Amino acid sequence: MAATGRNAYAAAASRFGMELVSVAAVAGNGVIGRDGELPWDSIPADKRQYRERVADAPVILGRRTFESMREDLPGRAQVVLSRIERSYDAGSARHAGSVAEALEVAASLGYPSAYVLGGAEVYELLQPHLDRMVLSRVHGSYDGDSYYPEWDADEWERERETPYDRFTLEEWRRVGR
């Protein structure tokens, strides 16, 4: 029987001390990027809901994604997943050399949730550990070189779908967590 409501959060929190949520804007054909950028024109409503969602929580992201956001870093703290250890001049950034270390660092910050922000390889690596996904389904298909990973539909349940101009926000929860 799948956990729901508070029980689902409690199940997620018991594993990592936090709920792990993937947040991504995904075109109809699965594209999330092209040459390190979004392949569609800016969607202010999507950017706004995304920024509000992650504002008071740690985020986990790859080095290239981190560097692309340097001017306007998301989240309370950034856990940068990279094979090569680096120091960052942003006081809120922390390095993690593996998925296990990224989860440990994010959990150590003491927040109820952490958000996975990409890129494609980071989404793929953390997919097995996710409790929820919040996907902005951008209307249309786009040329790109980065894709959101596929997942086993039997493991996920769509909880909510909210239409907006140019995208539909889908909220998914892993069944049984």
N, C-alpha and C. Protein backbone atom coordinates (compact mmCIF):
# COMPACT_ATOMS: atom_id res chain seq x y z
N MET A 1 0.85 -1.19 0.00
CA MET A 1 0.00 0.00 0.00
C MET A 1 0.88 1.24 0.00
N ALA A 2 0.59 2.18 -0.84
CA ALA A 2 1.40 3.40 -0.97
C ALA A 2 1.14 4.33 0.20
N ALA A 3 2.22 4.96 0.68
CA ALA A 3 2.08 5.97 1.72
C ALA A 3 1.53 7.24 1.12
N THR A 4 0.68 7.93 1.85
CA THR A 4 0.12 9.18 1.35
C THR A 4 0.27 10.28 2.39
N GLY A 5 0.14 11.53 1.91
CA GLY A 5 0.15 12.69 2.81
C GLY A 5 1.34 12.70 3.74
N ARG A 6 1.07 12.85 5.03
CA ARG A 6 2.13 12.91 6.03
C ARG A 6 2.95 11.64 6.07
N ASN A 7 2.30 10.49 5.84
CA ASN A 7 3.03 9.22 5.88
C ASN A 7 4.07 9.15 4.77
N ALA A 8 3.76 9.68 3.59
CA ALA A 8 4.72 9.69 2.49
C ALA A 8 5.92 10.55 2.86
N TYR A 9 5.67 11.73 3.44
CA TYR A 9 6.78 12.58 3.84
C TYR A 9 7.62 11.88 4.91
N ALA A 10 6.97 11.24 5.87
CA ALA A 10 7.69 10.56 6.94
C ALA A 10 8.57 9.44 6.38
N ALA A 11 8.05 8.70 5.37
CA ALA A 11 8.85 7.64 4.76
C ALA A 11 10.07 8.22 4.07
N ALA A 12 9.90 9.31 3.34
CA ALA A 12 11.02 9.94 2.66
C ALA A 12 12.00 10.50 3.67
N ALA A 13 11.50 11.18 4.66
CA ALA A 13 12.37 11.81 5.66
C ALA A 13 13.18 10.76 6.42
N SER A 14 12.61 9.58 6.61
CA SER A 14 13.31 8.56 7.39
C SER A 14 14.54 8.03 6.64
N ARG A 15 14.55 8.08 5.30
CA ARG A 15 15.69 7.58 4.54
C ARG A 15 16.86 8.54 4.55
N PHE A 16 16.62 9.81 4.29
CA PHE A 16 17.71 10.77 4.15
C PHE A 16 17.65 11.89 5.19
N GLY A 17 16.57 11.93 5.97
CA GLY A 17 16.37 13.07 6.84
C GLY A 17 15.77 14.23 6.09
N MET A 18 15.36 13.98 4.84
CA MET A 18 14.75 15.01 4.00
C MET A 18 14.04 14.33 2.84
N GLU A 19 13.18 15.08 2.19
CA GLU A 19 12.53 14.62 0.98
C GLU A 19 13.37 15.10 -0.20
N LEU A 20 13.60 14.25 -1.20
CA LEU A 20 14.39 14.62 -2.36
C LEU A 20 13.46 14.81 -3.56
N VAL A 21 13.50 16.03 -4.14
CA VAL A 21 12.57 16.42 -5.19
C VAL A 21 13.35 16.91 -6.41
N SER A 22 13.02 16.35 -7.57
CA SER A 22 13.61 16.81 -8.83
C SER A 22 12.71 17.89 -9.40
N VAL A 23 13.32 18.99 -9.85
CA VAL A 23 12.58 20.10 -10.46
C VAL A 23 13.20 20.34 -11.83
N ALA A 24 12.36 20.31 -12.89
CA ALA A 24 12.89 20.49 -14.24
C ALA A 24 11.82 21.05 -15.16
N ALA A 25 12.28 21.80 -16.15
CA ALA A 25 11.43 22.21 -17.27
C ALA A 25 11.78 21.26 -18.41
N VAL A 26 10.75 20.58 -18.94
CA VAL A 26 10.95 19.51 -19.91
C VAL A 26 10.03 19.73 -21.10
N ALA A 27 10.60 19.77 -22.31
CA ALA A 27 9.79 19.92 -23.52
C ALA A 27 9.03 18.62 -23.79
N GLY A 28 8.07 18.69 -24.69
CA GLY A 28 7.27 17.53 -25.04
C GLY A 28 8.08 16.34 -25.51
N ASN A 29 9.25 16.57 -26.07
CA ASN A 29 10.12 15.49 -26.53
C ASN A 29 11.23 15.15 -25.54
N GLY A 30 11.12 15.62 -24.29
CA GLY A 30 12.08 15.28 -23.25
C GLY A 30 13.29 16.18 -23.17
N VAL A 31 13.43 17.13 -24.07
CA VAL A 31 14.59 18.03 -24.08
C VAL A 31 14.53 18.96 -22.88
N ILE A 32 15.71 19.14 -22.24
CA ILE A 32 15.82 20.10 -21.13
C ILE A 32 16.85 21.19 -21.43
N GLY A 33 17.67 20.99 -22.47
CA GLY A 33 18.68 22.01 -22.76
C GLY A 33 19.33 21.83 -24.11
N ARG A 34 20.00 22.90 -24.51
CA ARG A 34 20.79 22.90 -25.75
C ARG A 34 21.97 23.83 -25.53
N ASP A 35 23.17 23.30 -25.67
CA ASP A 35 24.39 24.09 -25.50
C ASP A 35 24.42 24.82 -24.15
N GLY A 36 23.94 24.16 -23.11
CA GLY A 36 23.98 24.74 -21.76
C GLY A 36 22.92 25.77 -21.48
N GLU A 37 21.97 25.93 -22.37
CA GLU A 37 20.89 26.92 -22.20
C GLU A 37 19.54 26.25 -22.41
N LEU A 38 18.47 26.92 -22.01
CA LEU A 38 17.13 26.45 -22.34
C LEU A 38 16.89 26.71 -23.82
N PRO A 39 16.30 25.76 -24.54
CA PRO A 39 16.09 25.96 -25.98
C PRO A 39 14.81 26.72 -26.33
N TRP A 40 14.06 27.19 -25.35
CA TRP A 40 12.84 27.96 -25.59
C TRP A 40 12.99 29.33 -24.96
N ASP A 41 12.18 30.27 -25.42
CA ASP A 41 12.19 31.61 -24.84
C ASP A 41 11.76 31.53 -23.38
N SER A 42 12.24 32.45 -22.58
CA SER A 42 11.93 32.49 -21.16
C SER A 42 10.42 32.44 -20.91
N ILE A 43 10.05 31.70 -19.86
CA ILE A 43 8.66 31.59 -19.44
C ILE A 43 8.60 32.14 -18.01
N PRO A 44 8.28 33.43 -17.84
CA PRO A 44 8.34 34.06 -16.52
C PRO A 44 7.53 33.34 -15.43
N ALA A 45 6.35 32.85 -15.74
CA ALA A 45 5.53 32.17 -14.73
C ALA A 45 6.22 30.90 -14.25
N ASP A 46 6.89 30.18 -15.13
CA ASP A 46 7.61 28.97 -14.74
C ASP A 46 8.81 29.33 -13.88
N LYS A 47 9.57 30.32 -14.30
CA LYS A 47 10.73 30.73 -13.52
C LYS A 47 10.32 31.18 -12.12
N ARG A 48 9.22 31.90 -12.03
CA ARG A 48 8.74 32.40 -10.74
C ARG A 48 8.36 31.24 -9.81
N GLN A 49 7.56 30.27 -10.31
CA GLN A 49 7.13 29.17 -9.44
C GLN A 49 8.32 28.32 -9.03
N TYR A 50 9.27 28.14 -9.94
CA TYR A 50 10.48 27.36 -9.67
C TYR A 50 11.32 28.05 -8.59
N ARG A 51 11.57 29.34 -8.74
CA ARG A 51 12.37 30.08 -7.76
C ARG A 51 11.73 30.09 -6.38
N GLU A 52 10.40 30.27 -6.33
CA GLU A 52 9.69 30.26 -5.05
C GLU A 52 9.79 28.89 -4.39
N ARG A 53 9.69 27.83 -5.18
CA ARG A 53 9.72 26.46 -4.66
C ARG A 53 11.05 26.14 -3.98
N VAL A 54 12.16 26.53 -4.60
CA VAL A 54 13.48 26.13 -4.11
C VAL A 54 14.15 27.18 -3.22
N ALA A 55 13.53 28.32 -3.04
CA ALA A 55 14.17 29.46 -2.37
C ALA A 55 14.72 29.16 -0.99
N ASP A 56 14.00 28.41 -0.19
CA ASP A 56 14.40 28.20 1.20
C ASP A 56 14.89 26.79 1.47
N ALA A 57 15.50 26.17 0.49
CA ALA A 57 15.97 24.79 0.64
C ALA A 57 17.31 24.63 -0.07
N PRO A 58 18.06 23.58 0.29
CA PRO A 58 19.28 23.30 -0.47
C PRO A 58 18.92 22.72 -1.83
N VAL A 59 19.80 22.96 -2.80
CA VAL A 59 19.64 22.40 -4.14
C VAL A 59 20.89 21.60 -4.49
N ILE A 60 20.69 20.55 -5.27
CA ILE A 60 21.80 19.72 -5.75
C ILE A 60 21.85 19.91 -7.26
N LEU A 61 23.03 20.25 -7.76
CA LEU A 61 23.18 20.50 -9.19
C LEU A 61 24.60 20.20 -9.62
N GLY A 62 24.76 19.96 -10.89
CA GLY A 62 26.09 19.71 -11.44
C GLY A 62 26.88 21.00 -11.59
N ARG A 63 28.17 20.84 -11.81
CA ARG A 63 29.06 22.00 -11.91
C ARG A 63 28.68 22.95 -13.04
N ARG A 64 28.39 22.39 -14.22
CA ARG A 64 28.05 23.27 -15.35
C ARG A 64 26.74 24.02 -15.09
N THR A 65 25.76 23.34 -14.50
CA THR A 65 24.50 24.01 -14.17
C THR A 65 24.76 25.10 -13.13
N PHE A 66 25.57 24.79 -12.13
CA PHE A 66 25.94 25.77 -11.11
C PHE A 66 26.57 27.00 -11.76
N GLU A 67 27.55 26.77 -12.64
CA GLU A 67 28.24 27.88 -13.27
C GLU A 67 27.31 28.71 -14.16
N SER A 68 26.32 28.06 -14.77
CA SER A 68 25.39 28.81 -15.62
C SER A 68 24.45 29.69 -14.80
N MET A 69 24.36 29.42 -13.49
CA MET A 69 23.46 30.19 -12.62
C MET A 69 24.20 31.11 -11.66
N ARG A 70 25.48 31.30 -11.86
CA ARG A 70 26.32 32.07 -10.93
C ARG A 70 25.78 33.46 -10.62
N GLU A 71 25.17 34.10 -11.57
CA GLU A 71 24.68 35.47 -11.36
C GLU A 71 23.44 35.52 -10.47
N ASP A 72 22.73 34.39 -10.36
CA ASP A 72 21.47 34.35 -9.61
C ASP A 72 21.28 32.94 -9.06
N LEU A 73 22.10 32.59 -8.06
CA LEU A 73 22.08 31.23 -7.53
C LEU A 73 20.75 30.89 -6.87
N PRO A 74 20.20 29.72 -7.19
CA PRO A 74 18.95 29.29 -6.58
C PRO A 74 19.19 28.62 -5.23
N GLY A 75 18.14 28.59 -4.41
CA GLY A 75 18.18 27.83 -3.17
C GLY A 75 18.93 28.52 -2.04
N ARG A 76 18.76 27.94 -0.87
CA ARG A 76 19.43 28.43 0.34
C ARG A 76 20.91 28.08 0.31
N ALA A 77 21.23 26.89 -0.22
CA ALA A 77 22.61 26.42 -0.35
C ALA A 77 22.67 25.57 -1.60
N GLN A 78 23.85 25.52 -2.22
CA GLN A 78 24.03 24.75 -3.44
C GLN A 78 25.03 23.63 -3.17
N VAL A 79 24.61 22.40 -3.42
CA VAL A 79 25.49 21.24 -3.33
C VAL A 79 25.89 20.92 -4.76
N VAL A 80 27.15 21.17 -5.10
CA VAL A 80 27.63 21.02 -6.47
C VAL A 80 28.24 19.63 -6.62
N LEU A 81 27.56 18.79 -7.39
CA LEU A 81 28.01 17.43 -7.63
C LEU A 81 28.99 17.43 -8.81
N SER A 82 30.25 17.11 -8.52
CA SER A 82 31.29 17.15 -9.54
C SER A 82 32.39 16.16 -9.16
N ARG A 83 32.94 15.48 -10.16
CA ARG A 83 34.03 14.53 -9.90
C ARG A 83 35.29 15.24 -9.41
N ILE A 84 35.46 16.48 -9.83
CA ILE A 84 36.67 17.24 -9.48
C ILE A 84 36.33 18.22 -8.37
N GLU A 85 37.05 18.12 -7.26
CA GLU A 85 36.80 19.04 -6.15
C GLU A 85 37.32 20.43 -6.51
N ARG A 86 36.48 21.40 -6.25
CA ARG A 86 36.82 22.79 -6.51
C ARG A 86 36.36 23.62 -5.33
N SER A 87 36.95 24.78 -5.22
CA SER A 87 36.42 25.72 -4.24
C SER A 87 35.57 26.72 -5.01
N TYR A 88 34.55 27.21 -4.37
CA TYR A 88 33.63 28.14 -5.02
C TYR A 88 33.64 29.44 -4.25
N ASP A 89 33.61 30.55 -4.95
CA ASP A 89 33.62 31.83 -4.27
C ASP A 89 32.24 32.21 -3.73
N ALA A 90 31.25 31.37 -3.96
CA ALA A 90 29.92 31.58 -3.37
C ALA A 90 29.91 30.87 -2.02
N GLY A 91 29.72 31.62 -0.95
CA GLY A 91 29.76 31.05 0.39
C GLY A 91 28.69 30.00 0.66
N SER A 92 27.64 30.00 -0.14
CA SER A 92 26.56 29.04 0.06
C SER A 92 26.77 27.73 -0.70
N ALA A 93 27.86 27.62 -1.48
CA ALA A 93 28.11 26.42 -2.30
C ALA A 93 29.02 25.44 -1.57
N ARG A 94 28.68 24.16 -1.72
CA ARG A 94 29.47 23.09 -1.15
C ARG A 94 29.72 22.04 -2.23
N HIS A 95 30.89 21.44 -2.22
CA HIS A 95 31.23 20.41 -3.20
C HIS A 95 30.82 19.03 -2.69
N ALA A 96 30.40 18.16 -3.62
CA ALA A 96 30.16 16.74 -3.33
C ALA A 96 30.73 15.95 -4.50
N GLY A 97 31.52 14.93 -4.20
CA GLY A 97 32.17 14.15 -5.23
C GLY A 97 31.41 12.92 -5.67
N SER A 98 30.28 12.62 -5.01
CA SER A 98 29.49 11.44 -5.35
C SER A 98 28.03 11.69 -4.98
N VAL A 99 27.16 10.83 -5.47
CA VAL A 99 25.74 10.94 -5.13
C VAL A 99 25.57 10.79 -3.62
N ALA A 100 26.22 9.79 -3.03
CA ALA A 100 26.10 9.57 -1.58
C ALA A 100 26.54 10.81 -0.80
N GLU A 101 27.65 11.41 -1.23
CA GLU A 101 28.14 12.61 -0.54
C GLU A 101 27.17 13.78 -0.74
N ALA A 102 26.61 13.93 -1.94
CA ALA A 102 25.66 15.01 -2.20
C ALA A 102 24.43 14.86 -1.29
N LEU A 103 23.93 13.65 -1.16
CA LEU A 103 22.77 13.42 -0.29
C LEU A 103 23.12 13.67 1.17
N GLU A 104 24.32 13.25 1.57
CA GLU A 104 24.78 13.47 2.94
C GLU A 104 24.92 14.97 3.24
N VAL A 105 25.55 15.70 2.33
CA VAL A 105 25.74 17.14 2.54
C VAL A 105 24.39 17.84 2.60
N ALA A 106 23.49 17.54 1.66
CA ALA A 106 22.17 18.17 1.66
C ALA A 106 21.40 17.85 2.94
N ALA A 107 21.43 16.59 3.37
CA ALA A 107 20.72 16.20 4.59
C ALA A 107 21.30 16.88 5.82
N SER A 108 22.63 17.08 5.83
CA SER A 108 23.29 17.68 6.99
C SER A 108 22.87 19.14 7.21
N LEU A 109 22.29 19.76 6.20
CA LEU A 109 21.88 21.16 6.32
C LEU A 109 20.59 21.32 7.11
N GLY A 110 19.88 20.21 7.34
CA GLY A 110 18.75 20.23 8.26
C GLY A 110 17.42 20.72 7.71
N TYR A 111 17.26 20.75 6.40
CA TYR A 111 15.99 21.20 5.81
C TYR A 111 15.11 20.00 5.51
N PRO A 112 13.79 20.17 5.48
CA PRO A 112 12.91 19.03 5.23
C PRO A 112 12.96 18.52 3.79
N SER A 113 13.41 19.37 2.84
CA SER A 113 13.49 18.98 1.44
C SER A 113 14.77 19.49 0.82
N ALA A 114 15.23 18.77 -0.21
CA ALA A 114 16.32 19.24 -1.07
C ALA A 114 15.84 19.03 -2.50
N TYR A 115 16.28 19.92 -3.40
CA TYR A 115 15.81 19.91 -4.78
C TYR A 115 16.95 19.62 -5.73
N VAL A 116 16.71 18.74 -6.68
CA VAL A 116 17.68 18.39 -7.72
C VAL A 116 17.37 19.25 -8.93
N LEU A 117 18.37 20.03 -9.40
CA LEU A 117 18.15 20.99 -10.48
C LEU A 117 18.87 20.67 -11.78
N GLY A 118 19.57 19.55 -11.86
CA GLY A 118 20.20 19.18 -13.13
C GLY A 118 21.68 19.43 -13.15
N GLY A 119 22.27 19.27 -14.27
CA GLY A 119 21.80 18.92 -15.59
C GLY A 119 21.42 17.46 -15.74
N ALA A 120 21.40 17.05 -17.01
CA ALA A 120 20.89 15.74 -17.40
C ALA A 120 21.57 14.60 -16.63
N GLU A 121 22.88 14.63 -16.50
CA GLU A 121 23.58 13.55 -15.81
C GLU A 121 23.23 13.52 -14.33
N VAL A 122 23.09 14.67 -13.71
CA VAL A 122 22.73 14.74 -12.29
C VAL A 122 21.30 14.22 -12.09
N TYR A 123 20.39 14.61 -12.97
CA TYR A 123 19.02 14.06 -12.90
C TYR A 123 19.05 12.54 -12.99
N GLU A 124 19.84 12.02 -13.91
CA GLU A 124 19.94 10.56 -14.11
C GLU A 124 20.50 9.87 -12.87
N LEU A 125 21.58 10.42 -12.32
CA LEU A 125 22.23 9.82 -11.14
C LEU A 125 21.32 9.82 -9.91
N LEU A 126 20.53 10.86 -9.75
CA LEU A 126 19.70 10.98 -8.55
C LEU A 126 18.29 10.41 -8.72
N GLN A 127 17.91 10.05 -9.95
CA GLN A 127 16.56 9.53 -10.20
C GLN A 127 16.17 8.39 -9.26
N PRO A 128 17.03 7.41 -8.99
CA PRO A 128 16.63 6.31 -8.11
C PRO A 128 16.35 6.73 -6.66
N HIS A 129 16.83 7.90 -6.28
CA HIS A 129 16.71 8.36 -4.89
C HIS A 129 15.56 9.34 -4.69
N LEU A 130 14.90 9.73 -5.76
CA LEU A 130 13.86 10.76 -5.68
C LEU A 130 12.61 10.27 -4.97
N ASP A 131 12.00 11.19 -4.23
CA ASP A 131 10.69 10.95 -3.62
C ASP A 131 9.60 11.60 -4.46
N ARG A 132 9.93 12.75 -5.06
CA ARG A 132 8.96 13.49 -5.87
C ARG A 132 9.66 14.10 -7.09
N MET A 133 8.84 14.43 -8.10
CA MET A 133 9.30 15.19 -9.26
C MET A 133 8.29 16.31 -9.49
N VAL A 134 8.79 17.50 -9.77
CA VAL A 134 7.95 18.63 -10.16
C VAL A 134 8.45 19.04 -11.54
N LEU A 135 7.63 18.73 -12.55
CA LEU A 135 8.06 18.91 -13.94
C LEU A 135 7.19 19.95 -14.62
N SER A 136 7.83 20.97 -15.13
CA SER A 136 7.15 21.96 -15.97
C SER A 136 7.22 21.42 -17.39
N ARG A 137 6.09 20.94 -17.89
CA ARG A 137 6.02 20.35 -19.23
C ARG A 137 5.81 21.49 -20.23
N VAL A 138 6.90 21.93 -20.82
CA VAL A 138 6.87 23.04 -21.77
C VAL A 138 6.18 22.55 -23.04
N HIS A 139 5.18 23.30 -23.47
CA HIS A 139 4.43 22.93 -24.67
C HIS A 139 5.33 22.95 -25.89
N GLY A 140 5.27 21.91 -26.70
CA GLY A 140 6.04 21.85 -27.94
C GLY A 140 7.27 20.98 -27.79
N SER A 141 7.90 20.73 -28.92
CA SER A 141 9.15 19.97 -28.99
C SER A 141 10.26 20.92 -29.44
N TYR A 142 11.46 20.67 -28.95
CA TYR A 142 12.59 21.55 -29.24
C TYR A 142 13.81 20.71 -29.56
N ASP A 143 14.70 21.28 -30.38
CA ASP A 143 15.99 20.66 -30.63
C ASP A 143 16.84 20.86 -29.38
N GLY A 144 17.59 19.84 -29.02
CA GLY A 144 18.44 19.97 -27.85
C GLY A 144 19.46 18.85 -27.78
N ASP A 145 20.33 18.95 -26.77
CA ASP A 145 21.35 17.93 -26.56
C ASP A 145 21.32 17.37 -25.14
N SER A 146 20.36 17.83 -24.33
CA SER A 146 20.19 17.33 -22.96
C SER A 146 18.74 16.93 -22.76
N TYR A 147 18.57 15.76 -22.12
CA TYR A 147 17.23 15.22 -21.94
C TYR A 147 16.99 14.84 -20.48
N TYR A 148 15.74 14.98 -20.04
CA TYR A 148 15.37 14.50 -18.71
C TYR A 148 15.31 12.98 -18.79
N PRO A 149 15.78 12.27 -17.76
CA PRO A 149 15.80 10.81 -17.84
C PRO A 149 14.39 10.20 -17.86
N GLU A 150 14.28 9.10 -18.54
CA GLU A 150 13.02 8.35 -18.52
C GLU A 150 12.91 7.66 -17.17
N TRP A 151 11.68 7.34 -16.77
CA TRP A 151 11.47 6.65 -15.51
C TRP A 151 10.39 5.60 -15.70
N ASP A 152 10.35 4.66 -14.77
CA ASP A 152 9.36 3.58 -14.79
C ASP A 152 8.03 4.13 -14.30
N ALA A 153 7.07 4.25 -15.21
CA ALA A 153 5.77 4.84 -14.88
C ALA A 153 5.06 4.09 -13.75
N ASP A 154 5.34 2.80 -13.60
CA ASP A 154 4.70 2.01 -12.53
C ASP A 154 5.17 2.44 -11.14
N GLU A 155 6.29 3.14 -11.08
CA GLU A 155 6.83 3.58 -9.79
C GLU A 155 6.33 4.95 -9.37
N TRP A 156 5.57 5.63 -10.24
CA TRP A 156 5.20 7.01 -10.00
C TRP A 156 3.70 7.23 -10.14
N GLU A 157 3.21 8.19 -9.37
CA GLU A 157 1.79 8.57 -9.42
C GLU A 157 1.72 10.09 -9.57
N ARG A 158 0.98 10.56 -10.59
CA ARG A 158 0.81 12.00 -10.75
C ARG A 158 -0.21 12.46 -9.72
N GLU A 159 0.22 13.39 -8.86
CA GLU A 159 -0.66 13.91 -7.81
C GLU A 159 -1.44 15.13 -8.25
N ARG A 160 -0.82 15.94 -9.12
CA ARG A 160 -1.42 17.22 -9.49
C ARG A 160 -0.94 17.62 -10.87
N GLU A 161 -1.82 18.31 -11.57
CA GLU A 161 -1.47 18.86 -12.88
C GLU A 161 -2.12 20.24 -12.96
N THR A 162 -1.31 21.28 -13.18
CA THR A 162 -1.80 22.65 -13.21
C THR A 162 -1.42 23.30 -14.54
N PRO A 163 -2.41 23.66 -15.36
CA PRO A 163 -2.09 24.30 -16.65
C PRO A 163 -1.72 25.77 -16.48
N TYR A 164 -0.75 26.20 -17.25
CA TYR A 164 -0.32 27.59 -17.35
C TYR A 164 -0.21 27.93 -18.82
N ASP A 165 0.01 29.18 -19.12
CA ASP A 165 0.31 29.58 -20.49
C ASP A 165 1.70 29.07 -20.84
N ARG A 166 1.83 28.26 -21.88
CA ARG A 166 3.08 27.74 -22.42
C ARG A 166 3.65 26.54 -21.68
N PHE A 167 3.09 26.14 -20.51
CA PHE A 167 3.56 24.92 -19.84
C PHE A 167 2.47 24.38 -18.91
N THR A 168 2.63 23.12 -18.53
CA THR A 168 1.75 22.48 -17.56
C THR A 168 2.62 21.96 -16.44
N LEU A 169 2.30 22.32 -15.21
CA LEU A 169 3.08 21.87 -14.06
C LEU A 169 2.54 20.53 -13.58
N GLU A 170 3.39 19.51 -13.59
CA GLU A 170 3.03 18.18 -13.12
C GLU A 170 3.79 17.88 -11.84
N GLU A 171 3.07 17.37 -10.84
CA GLU A 171 3.71 16.97 -9.58
C GLU A 171 3.51 15.49 -9.41
N TRP A 172 4.62 14.77 -9.27
CA TRP A 172 4.65 13.32 -9.20
C TRP A 172 5.21 12.87 -7.85
N ARG A 173 4.71 11.75 -7.34
CA ARG A 173 5.23 11.14 -6.11
C ARG A 173 5.54 9.69 -6.40
N ARG A 174 6.69 9.23 -5.89
CA ARG A 174 7.05 7.83 -6.07
C ARG A 174 6.10 6.98 -5.22
N VAL A 175 5.55 5.96 -5.80
CA VAL A 175 4.62 5.07 -5.14
C VAL A 175 5.37 4.28 -4.05
N GLY A 176 4.78 4.19 -2.88
CA GLY A 176 5.37 3.39 -1.81
C GLY A 176 6.34 4.12 -0.92
N ARG A 177 6.54 5.41 -1.17
CA ARG A 177 7.45 6.16 -0.29
C ARG A 177 6.68 7.17 0.50
